[in-house]
Amino acid sequence: MASPTPTENASMNTKDLETLKANIGKVIEIISRDGETLLAKVVLVSEEDEDVVYDLVSTTRESQYEKFDEQPAYRITFQEIESVKTSGESIRHR
């Protein structure tokens, strides 16, 4: 029996995965399953690890993030992502 692909294991759909991979180095909107909306610059999309590494531009939950002189990269798993939008899809800037 073949092992499932990452998108079969994860909640995120194939279209969103393709959008993330096509927008490495660009700012997109990520909606998480817990309701947080992130504006994030995609750094890395790993199908093997089923996660996305990003630089945070803005969030609807600023209080969850520590302030640093130099902002670190963050990680979100495929399972935590509800949907993604590119700049062509009416991103709401905050």
PDB file of N, CA and C in Angstrom:
ATOM      1  N   MET A   1       0.844  -1.177   0.000  1.00  0.00           N
ATOM      2  CA  MET A   1       0.000   0.000   0.000  1.00  0.00           C
ATOM      3  C   MET A   1       0.894   1.246   0.000  1.00  0.00           C
ATOM      4  N   ALA A   2       0.607   2.172  -0.881  1.00  0.00           N
ATOM      5  CA  ALA A   2       1.411   3.389  -0.995  1.00  0.00           C
ATOM      6  C   ALA A   2       1.132   4.313   0.181  1.00  0.00           C
ATOM      7  N   SER A   3       2.169   5.029   0.607  1.00  0.00           N
ATOM      8  CA  SER A   3       1.951   5.978   1.704  1.00  0.00           C
ATOM      9  C   SER A   3       1.241   7.208   1.161  1.00  0.00           C
ATOM     10  N   PRO A   4       0.388   7.829   1.976  1.00  0.00           N
ATOM     11  CA  PRO A   4      -0.365   8.998   1.515  1.00  0.00           C
ATOM     12  C   PRO A   4       0.553  10.187   1.261  1.00  0.00           C
ATOM     13  N   THR A   5       0.147  11.039   0.340  1.00  0.00           N
ATOM     14  CA  THR A   5       0.897  12.265   0.074  1.00  0.00           C
ATOM     15  C   THR A   5       0.619  13.241   1.206  1.00  0.00           C
ATOM     16  N   PRO A   6       1.459  14.271   1.376  1.00  0.00           N
ATOM     17  CA  PRO A   6       1.247  15.225   2.462  1.00  0.00           C
ATOM     18  C   PRO A   6      -0.147  15.849   2.455  1.00  0.00           C
ATOM     19  N   THR A   7      -0.679  16.163   1.271  1.00  0.00           N
ATOM     20  CA  THR A   7      -1.985  16.805   1.245  1.00  0.00           C
ATOM     21  C   THR A   7      -3.089  15.839   1.638  1.00  0.00           C
ATOM     22  N   GLU A   8      -2.862  14.523   1.529  1.00  0.00           N
ATOM     23  CA  GLU A   8      -3.856  13.564   2.006  1.00  0.00           C
ATOM     24  C   GLU A   8      -3.833  13.489   3.528  1.00  0.00           C
ATOM     25  N   ASN A   9      -2.674  13.685   4.127  1.00  0.00           N
ATOM     26  CA  ASN A   9      -2.556  13.664   5.583  1.00  0.00           C
ATOM     27  C   ASN A   9      -3.048  14.964   6.197  1.00  0.00           C
ATOM     28  N   ALA A  10      -2.868  16.048   5.509  1.00  0.00           N
ATOM     29  CA  ALA A  10      -3.136  17.364   6.056  1.00  0.00           C
ATOM     30  C   ALA A  10      -4.537  17.836   5.702  1.00  0.00           C
ATOM     31  N   SER A  11      -4.964  18.860   6.412  1.00  0.00           N
ATOM     32  CA  SER A  11      -6.276  19.435   6.175  1.00  0.00           C
ATOM     33  C   SER A  11      -6.251  20.424   5.009  1.00  0.00           C
ATOM     34  N   MET A  12      -5.110  21.017   4.755  1.00  0.00           N
ATOM     35  CA  MET A  12      -4.995  22.018   3.712  1.00  0.00           C
ATOM     36  C   MET A  12      -5.213  21.387   2.332  1.00  0.00           C
ATOM     37  N   ASN A  13      -5.896  22.113   1.450  1.00  0.00           N
ATOM     38  CA  ASN A  13      -6.162  21.540   0.136  1.00  0.00           C
ATOM     39  C   ASN A  13      -5.001  21.750  -0.839  1.00  0.00           C
ATOM     40  N   THR A  14      -5.026  21.025  -1.928  1.00  0.00           N
ATOM     41  CA  THR A  14      -3.954  21.053  -2.923  1.00  0.00           C
ATOM     42  C   THR A  14      -3.796  22.431  -3.543  1.00  0.00           C
ATOM     43  N   LYS A  15      -4.901  23.137  -3.789  1.00  0.00           N
ATOM     44  CA  LYS A  15      -4.831  24.482  -4.376  1.00  0.00           C
ATOM     45  C   LYS A  15      -4.046  25.424  -3.459  1.00  0.00           C
ATOM     46  N   ASP A  16      -4.328  25.363  -2.153  1.00  0.00           N
ATOM     47  CA  ASP A  16      -3.599  26.220  -1.209  1.00  0.00           C
ATOM     48  C   ASP A  16      -2.117  25.862  -1.157  1.00  0.00           C
ATOM     49  N   LEU A  17      -1.796  24.574  -1.224  1.00  0.00           N
ATOM     50  CA  LEU A  17      -0.396  24.146  -1.246  1.00  0.00           C
ATOM     51  C   LEU A  17       0.308  24.698  -2.476  1.00  0.00           C
ATOM     52  N   GLU A  18      -0.325  24.591  -3.620  1.00  0.00           N
ATOM     53  CA  GLU A  18       0.260  25.116  -4.856  1.00  0.00           C
ATOM     54  C   GLU A  18       0.421  26.634  -4.788  1.00  0.00           C
ATOM     55  N   THR A  19      -0.544  27.323  -4.191  1.00  0.00           N
ATOM     56  CA  THR A  19      -0.455  28.780  -4.024  1.00  0.00           C
ATOM     57  C   THR A  19       0.742  29.144  -3.156  1.00  0.00           C
ATOM     58  N   LEU A  20       0.921  28.426  -2.051  1.00  0.00           N
ATOM     59  CA  LEU A  20       2.067  28.681  -1.172  1.00  0.00           C
ATOM     60  C   LEU A  20       3.380  28.470  -1.921  1.00  0.00           C
ATOM     61  N   LYS A  21       3.500  27.355  -2.620  1.00  0.00           N
ATOM     62  CA  LYS A  21       4.747  27.048  -3.335  1.00  0.00           C
ATOM     63  C   LYS A  21       5.024  28.065  -4.444  1.00  0.00           C
ATOM     64  N   ALA A  22       3.985  28.578  -5.077  1.00  0.00           N
ATOM     65  CA  ALA A  22       4.155  29.552  -6.168  1.00  0.00           C
ATOM     66  C   ALA A  22       4.475  30.954  -5.652  1.00  0.00           C
ATOM     67  N   ASN A  23       4.338  31.162  -4.342  1.00  0.00           N
ATOM     68  CA  ASN A  23       4.530  32.500  -3.784  1.00  0.00           C
ATOM     69  C   ASN A  23       5.668  32.587  -2.776  1.00  0.00           C
ATOM     70  N   ILE A  24       6.657  31.715  -2.887  1.00  0.00           N
ATOM     71  CA  ILE A  24       7.833  31.804  -2.023  1.00  0.00           C
ATOM     72  C   ILE A  24       8.523  33.140  -2.294  1.00  0.00           C
ATOM     73  N   GLY A  25       8.823  33.859  -1.225  1.00  0.00           N
ATOM     74  CA  GLY A  25       9.444  35.176  -1.350  1.00  0.00           C
ATOM     75  C   GLY A  25       8.445  36.312  -1.486  1.00  0.00           C
ATOM     76  N   LYS A  26       7.145  35.970  -1.494  1.00  0.00           N
ATOM     77  CA  LYS A  26       6.097  36.983  -1.641  1.00  0.00           C
ATOM     78  C   LYS A  26       5.219  37.003  -0.393  1.00  0.00           C
ATOM     79  N   VAL A  27       4.487  38.107  -0.234  1.00  0.00           N
ATOM     80  CA  VAL A  27       3.573  38.254   0.895  1.00  0.00           C
ATOM     81  C   VAL A  27       2.202  37.729   0.506  1.00  0.00           C
ATOM     82  N   ILE A  28       1.663  36.867   1.365  1.00  0.00           N
ATOM     83  CA  ILE A  28       0.324  36.323   1.164  1.00  0.00           C
ATOM     84  C   ILE A  28      -0.443  36.406   2.482  1.00  0.00           C
ATOM     85  N   GLU A  29      -1.723  36.141   2.408  1.00  0.00           N
ATOM     86  CA  GLU A  29      -2.557  36.085   3.603  1.00  0.00           C
ATOM     87  C   GLU A  29      -2.809  34.623   3.943  1.00  0.00           C
ATOM     88  N   ILE A  30      -2.575  34.261   5.201  1.00  0.00           N
ATOM     89  CA  ILE A  30      -2.849  32.911   5.693  1.00  0.00           C
ATOM     90  C   ILE A  30      -3.916  33.017   6.768  1.00  0.00           C
ATOM     91  N   ILE A  31      -4.993  32.272   6.593  1.00  0.00           N
ATOM     92  CA  ILE A  31      -6.044  32.192   7.608  1.00  0.00           C
ATOM     93  C   ILE A  31      -5.845  30.866   8.335  1.00  0.00           C
ATOM     94  N   SER A  32      -5.660  30.930   9.652  1.00  0.00           N
ATOM     95  CA  SER A  32      -5.449  29.695  10.412  1.00  0.00           C
ATOM     96  C   SER A  32      -6.793  29.136  10.882  1.00  0.00           C
ATOM     97  N   ARG A  33      -6.783  27.863  11.242  1.00  0.00           N
ATOM     98  CA  ARG A  33      -8.010  27.200  11.702  1.00  0.00           C
ATOM     99  C   ARG A  33      -8.546  27.797  13.000  1.00  0.00           C
ATOM    100  N   ASP A  34      -7.672  28.469  13.777  1.00  0.00           N
ATOM    101  CA  ASP A  34      -8.141  29.078  15.022  1.00  0.00           C
ATOM    102  C   ASP A  34      -8.626  30.513  14.830  1.00  0.00           C
ATOM    103  N   GLY A  35      -8.688  30.975  13.564  1.00  0.00           N
ATOM    104  CA  GLY A  35      -9.249  32.287  13.263  1.00  0.00           C
ATOM    105  C   GLY A  35      -8.251  33.412  13.089  1.00  0.00           C
ATOM    106  N   GLU A  36      -6.975  33.164  13.339  1.00  0.00           N
ATOM    107  CA  GLU A  36      -5.960  34.200  13.156  1.00  0.00           C
ATOM    108  C   GLU A  36      -5.747  34.450  11.664  1.00  0.00           C
ATOM    109  N   THR A  37      -5.582  35.709  11.305  1.00  0.00           N
ATOM    110  CA  THR A  37      -5.248  36.090   9.938  1.00  0.00           C
ATOM    111  C   THR A  37      -3.845  36.676   9.938  1.00  0.00           C
ATOM    112  N   LEU A  38      -2.965  36.081   9.135  1.00  0.00           N
ATOM    113  CA  LEU A  38      -1.572  36.516   9.051  1.00  0.00           C
ATOM    114  C   LEU A  38      -1.288  37.098   7.684  1.00  0.00           C
ATOM    115  N   LEU A  39      -0.549  38.187   7.638  1.00  0.00           N
ATOM    116  CA  LEU A  39       0.111  38.597   6.410  1.00  0.00           C
ATOM    117  C   LEU A  39       1.525  38.105   6.579  1.00  0.00           C
ATOM    118  N   ALA A  40       1.969  37.252   5.670  1.00  0.00           N
ATOM    119  CA  ALA A  40       3.243  36.578   5.848  1.00  0.00           C
ATOM    120  C   ALA A  40       4.023  36.518   4.545  1.00  0.00           C
ATOM    121  N   LYS A  41       5.326  36.715   4.653  1.00  0.00           N
ATOM    122  CA  LYS A  41       6.212  36.519   3.511  1.00  0.00           C
ATOM    123  C   LYS A  41       6.695  35.071   3.577  1.00  0.00           C
ATOM    124  N   VAL A  42       6.340  34.293   2.577  1.00  0.00           N
ATOM    125  CA  VAL A  42       6.665  32.865   2.570  1.00  0.00           C
ATOM    126  C   VAL A  42       8.164  32.679   2.339  1.00  0.00           C
ATOM    127  N   VAL A  43       8.806  31.947   3.254  1.00  0.00           N
ATOM    128  CA  VAL A  43      10.236  31.673   3.165  1.00  0.00           C
ATOM    129  C   VAL A  43      10.478  30.270   2.612  1.00  0.00           C
ATOM    130  N   LEU A  44       9.705  29.293   3.097  1.00  0.00           N
ATOM    131  CA  LEU A  44       9.918  27.892   2.733  1.00  0.00           C
ATOM    132  C   LEU A  44       8.604  27.129   2.867  1.00  0.00           C
ATOM    133  N   VAL A  45       8.331  26.244   1.912  1.00  0.00           N
ATOM    134  CA  VAL A  45       7.193  25.333   1.987  1.00  0.00           C
ATOM    135  C   VAL A  45       7.760  23.922   1.919  1.00  0.00           C
ATOM    136  N   SER A  46       7.549  23.144   2.984  1.00  0.00           N
ATOM    137  CA  SER A  46       8.083  21.792   3.041  1.00  0.00           C
ATOM    138  C   SER A  46       6.951  20.768   3.012  1.00  0.00           C
ATOM    139  N   GLU A  47       6.830  20.072   1.882  1.00  0.00           N
ATOM    140  CA  GLU A  47       5.829  19.005   1.808  1.00  0.00           C
ATOM    141  C   GLU A  47       6.236  17.842   2.705  1.00  0.00           C
ATOM    142  N   GLU A  48       7.528  17.607   2.831  1.00  0.00           N
ATOM    143  CA  GLU A  48       8.021  16.510   3.673  1.00  0.00           C
ATOM    144  C   GLU A  48       7.657  16.731   5.143  1.00  0.00           C
ATOM    145  N   ASP A  49       7.882  17.954   5.640  1.00  0.00           N
ATOM    146  CA  ASP A  49       7.576  18.268   7.035  1.00  0.00           C
ATOM    147  C   ASP A  49       6.161  18.796   7.226  1.00  0.00           C
ATOM    148  N   GLU A  50       5.462  19.021   6.117  1.00  0.00           N
ATOM    149  CA  GLU A  50       4.094  19.544   6.130  1.00  0.00           C
ATOM    150  C   GLU A  50       3.988  20.848   6.901  1.00  0.00           C
ATOM    151  N   ASP A  51       4.887  21.800   6.544  1.00  0.00           N
ATOM    152  CA  ASP A  51       4.832  23.097   7.202  1.00  0.00           C
ATOM    153  C   ASP A  51       5.310  24.214   6.286  1.00  0.00           C
ATOM    154  N   VAL A  52       5.076  25.428   6.762  1.00  0.00           N
ATOM    155  CA  VAL A  52       5.466  26.641   6.049  1.00  0.00           C
ATOM    156  C   VAL A  52       6.273  27.491   7.021  1.00  0.00           C
ATOM    157  N   VAL A  53       7.410  27.976   6.570  1.00  0.00           N
ATOM    158  CA  VAL A  53       8.207  28.923   7.349  1.00  0.00           C
ATOM    159  C   VAL A  53       7.968  30.290   6.718  1.00  0.00           C
ATOM    160  N   TYR A  54       7.709  31.292   7.569  1.00  0.00           N
ATOM    161  CA  TYR A  54       7.359  32.613   7.047  1.00  0.00           C
ATOM    162  C   TYR A  54       7.904  33.722   7.937  1.00  0.00           C
ATOM    163  N   ASP A  55       8.053  34.892   7.324  1.00  0.00           N
ATOM    164  CA  ASP A  55       8.351  36.114   8.065  1.00  0.00           C
ATOM    165  C   ASP A  55       7.020  36.809   8.303  1.00  0.00           C
ATOM    166  N   LEU A  56       6.728  37.146   9.532  1.00  0.00           N
ATOM    167  CA  LEU A  56       5.460  37.780   9.884  1.00  0.00           C
ATOM    168  C   LEU A  56       5.467  39.251   9.484  1.00  0.00           C
ATOM    169  N   VAL A  57       4.483  39.648   8.702  1.00  0.00           N
ATOM    170  CA  VAL A  57       4.309  41.051   8.333  1.00  0.00           C
ATOM    171  C   VAL A  57       3.308  41.694   9.289  1.00  0.00           C
ATOM    172  N   SER A  58       2.149  41.043   9.465  1.00  0.00           N
ATOM    173  CA  SER A  58       1.158  41.502  10.437  1.00  0.00           C
ATOM    174  C   SER A  58       0.232  40.345  10.787  1.00  0.00           C
ATOM    175  N   THR A  59      -0.511  40.531  11.872  1.00  0.00           N
ATOM    176  CA  THR A  59      -1.412  39.491  12.355  1.00  0.00           C
ATOM    177  C   THR A  59      -2.588  40.129  13.077  1.00  0.00           C
ATOM    178  N   THR A  60      -3.677  39.398  13.156  1.00  0.00           N
ATOM    179  CA  THR A  60      -4.818  39.862  13.936  1.00  0.00           C
ATOM    180  C   THR A  60      -4.614  39.581  15.420  1.00  0.00           C
ATOM    181  N   ARG A  61      -3.514  38.923  15.775  1.00  0.00           N
ATOM    182  CA  ARG A  61      -3.220  38.591  17.176  1.00  0.00           C
ATOM    183  C   ARG A  61      -1.813  39.042  17.561  1.00  0.00           C
ATOM    184  N   GLU A  62      -1.563  40.326  17.462  1.00  0.00           N
ATOM    185  CA  GLU A  62      -0.241  40.895  17.762  1.00  0.00           C
ATOM    186  C   GLU A  62       0.267  40.500  19.145  1.00  0.00           C
ATOM    187  N   SER A  63      -0.635  40.384  20.125  1.00  0.00           N
ATOM    188  CA  SER A  63      -0.214  40.115  21.499  1.00  0.00           C
ATOM    189  C   SER A  63       0.417  38.734  21.677  1.00  0.00           C
ATOM    190  N   GLN A  64       0.210  37.815  20.739  1.00  0.00           N
ATOM    191  CA  GLN A  64       0.792  36.475  20.830  1.00  0.00           C
ATOM    192  C   GLN A  64       2.270  36.440  20.463  1.00  0.00           C
ATOM    193  N   TYR A  65       2.770  37.499  19.867  1.00  0.00           N
ATOM    194  CA  TYR A  65       4.126  37.500  19.344  1.00  0.00           C
ATOM    195  C   TYR A  65       4.999  38.465  20.133  1.00  0.00           C
ATOM    196  N   GLU A  66       6.161  37.977  20.552  1.00  0.00           N
ATOM    197  CA  GLU A  66       7.124  38.842  21.238  1.00  0.00           C
ATOM    198  C   GLU A  66       7.716  39.828  20.241  1.00  0.00           C
ATOM    199  N   LYS A  67       8.113  40.969  20.734  1.00  0.00           N
ATOM    200  CA  LYS A  67       8.763  41.971  19.888  1.00  0.00           C
ATOM    201  C   LYS A  67      10.275  41.790  19.983  1.00  0.00           C
ATOM    202  N   PHE A  68      10.933  41.721  18.845  1.00  0.00           N
ATOM    203  CA  PHE A  68      12.378  41.587  18.765  1.00  0.00           C
ATOM    204  C   PHE A  68      12.930  42.701  17.899  1.00  0.00           C
ATOM    205  N   ASP A  69      14.202  43.056  18.099  1.00  0.00           N
ATOM    206  CA  ASP A  69      14.827  44.041  17.214  1.00  0.00           C
ATOM    207  C   ASP A  69      14.837  43.525  15.781  1.00  0.00           C
ATOM    208  N   GLU A  70      15.137  42.252  15.643  1.00  0.00           N
ATOM    209  CA  GLU A  70      15.130  41.614  14.327  1.00  0.00           C
ATOM    210  C   GLU A  70      14.114  40.477  14.406  1.00  0.00           C
ATOM    211  N   GLN A  71      13.078  40.553  13.598  1.00  0.00           N
ATOM    212  CA  GLN A  71      11.996  39.581  13.688  1.00  0.00           C
ATOM    213  C   GLN A  71      12.439  38.195  13.218  1.00  0.00           C
ATOM    214  N   PRO A  72      12.111  37.161  13.993  1.00  0.00           N
ATOM    215  CA  PRO A  72      12.459  35.794  13.594  1.00  0.00           C
ATOM    216  C   PRO A  72      11.472  35.262  12.558  1.00  0.00           C
ATOM    217  N   ALA A  73      11.833  34.173  11.925  1.00  0.00           N
ATOM    218  CA  ALA A  73      10.891  33.476  11.048  1.00  0.00           C
ATOM    219  C   ALA A  73      10.000  32.606  11.927  1.00  0.00           C
ATOM    220  N   TYR A  74       8.795  32.378  11.478  1.00  0.00           N
ATOM    221  CA  TYR A  74       7.839  31.548  12.204  1.00  0.00           C
ATOM    222  C   TYR A  74       7.472  30.340  11.361  1.00  0.00           C
ATOM    223  N   ARG A  75       6.789  29.382  11.986  1.00  0.00           N
ATOM    224  CA  ARG A  75       6.405  28.145  11.327  1.00  0.00           C
ATOM    225  C   ARG A  75       4.927  27.874  11.590  1.00  0.00           C
ATOM    226  N   ILE A  76       4.227  27.403  10.564  1.00  0.00           N
ATOM    227  CA  ILE A  76       2.844  26.972  10.712  1.00  0.00           C
ATOM    228  C   ILE A  76       2.698  25.648   9.967  1.00  0.00           C
ATOM    229  N   THR A  77       2.000  24.705  10.567  1.00  0.00           N
ATOM    230  CA  THR A  77       1.828  23.398   9.924  1.00  0.00           C
ATOM    231  C   THR A  77       0.664  23.445   8.939  1.00  0.00           C
ATOM    232  N   PHE A  78       0.689  22.531   7.979  1.00  0.00           N
ATOM    233  CA  PHE A  78      -0.403  22.443   7.014  1.00  0.00           C
ATOM    234  C   PHE A  78      -1.743  22.264   7.737  1.00  0.00           C
ATOM    235  N   GLN A  79      -1.750  21.484   8.812  1.00  0.00           N
ATOM    236  CA  GLN A  79      -2.980  21.199   9.540  1.00  0.00           C
ATOM    237  C   GLN A  79      -3.583  22.449  10.181  1.00  0.00           C
ATOM    238  N   GLU A  80      -2.745  23.454  10.441  1.00  0.00           N
ATOM    239  CA  GLU A  80      -3.223  24.689  11.074  1.00  0.00           C
ATOM    240  C   GLU A  80      -3.777  25.695  10.068  1.00  0.00           C
ATOM    241  N   ILE A  81      -3.570  25.458   8.779  1.00  0.00           N
ATOM    242  CA  ILE A  81      -3.977  26.418   7.752  1.00  0.00           C
ATOM    243  C   ILE A  81      -5.377  26.117   7.243  1.00  0.00           C
ATOM    244  N   GLU A  82      -6.238  27.122   7.353  1.00  0.00           N
ATOM    245  CA  GLU A  82      -7.607  27.038   6.826  1.00  0.00           C
ATOM    246  C   GLU A  82      -7.613  27.380   5.337  1.00  0.00           C
ATOM    247  N   SER A  83      -6.960  28.512   4.985  1.00  0.00           N
ATOM    248  CA  SER A  83      -6.899  28.935   3.589  1.00  0.00           C
ATOM    249  C   SER A  83      -5.779  29.948   3.395  1.00  0.00           C
ATOM    250  N   VAL A  84      -5.445  30.190   2.135  1.00  0.00           N
ATOM    251  CA  VAL A  84      -4.439  31.201   1.793  1.00  0.00           C
ATOM    252  C   VAL A  84      -4.971  32.060   0.652  1.00  0.00           C
ATOM    253  N   LYS A  85      -4.501  33.314   0.612  1.00  0.00           N
ATOM    254  CA  LYS A  85      -4.887  34.238  -0.458  1.00  0.00           C
ATOM    255  C   LYS A  85      -3.643  34.978  -0.922  1.00  0.00           C
ATOM    256  N   THR A  86      -3.573  35.234  -2.212  1.00  0.00           N
ATOM    257  CA  THR A  86      -2.491  36.052  -2.765  1.00  0.00           C
ATOM    258  C   THR A  86      -2.961  37.493  -2.908  1.00  0.00           C
ATOM    259  N   SER A  87      -2.039  38.370  -3.265  1.00  0.00           N
ATOM    260  CA  SER A  87      -2.385  39.781  -3.397  1.00  0.00           C
ATOM    261  C   SER A  87      -3.475  40.017  -4.439  1.00  0.00           C
ATOM    262  N   GLY A  88      -3.591  39.135  -5.407  1.00  0.00           N
ATOM    263  CA  GLY A  88      -4.638  39.244  -6.421  1.00  0.00           C
ATOM    264  C   GLY A  88      -5.999  38.835  -5.923  1.00  0.00           C
ATOM    265  N   GLU A  89      -6.092  38.374  -4.677  1.00  0.00           N
ATOM    266  CA  GLU A  89      -7.348  37.902  -4.129  1.00  0.00           C
ATOM    267  C   GLU A  89      -7.846  38.770  -2.971  1.00  0.00           C
ATOM    268  N   SER A  90      -7.605  40.065  -3.058  1.00  0.00           N
ATOM    269  CA  SER A  90      -8.105  41.018  -2.067  1.00  0.00           C
ATOM    270  C   SER A  90      -7.639  40.755  -0.655  1.00  0.00           C
ATOM    271  N   ILE A  91      -6.337  40.802  -0.446  1.00  0.00           N
ATOM    272  CA  ILE A  91      -5.781  40.689   0.904  1.00  0.00           C
ATOM    273  C   ILE A  91      -6.175  41.945   1.690  1.00  0.00           C
ATOM    274  N   ARG A  92      -6.564  41.726   2.932  1.00  0.00           N
ATOM    275  CA  ARG A  92      -6.925  42.844   3.812  1.00  0.00           C
ATOM    276  C   ARG A  92      -5.677  43.295   4.564  1.00  0.00           C
ATOM    277  N   HIS A  93      -5.095  44.422   4.177  1.00  0.00           N
ATOM    278  CA  HIS A  93      -3.903  44.933   4.887  1.00  0.00           C
ATOM    279  C   HIS A  93      -4.320  45.532   6.216  1.00  0.00           C
ATOM    280  N   ARG A  94      -3.513  45.297   7.246  1.00  0.00           N
ATOM    281  CA  ARG A  94      -3.811  45.785   8.584  1.00  0.00           C
ATOM    282  C   ARG A  94      -2.816  46.819   9.005  1.00  0.00           C
TER     283      ARG A  94
END
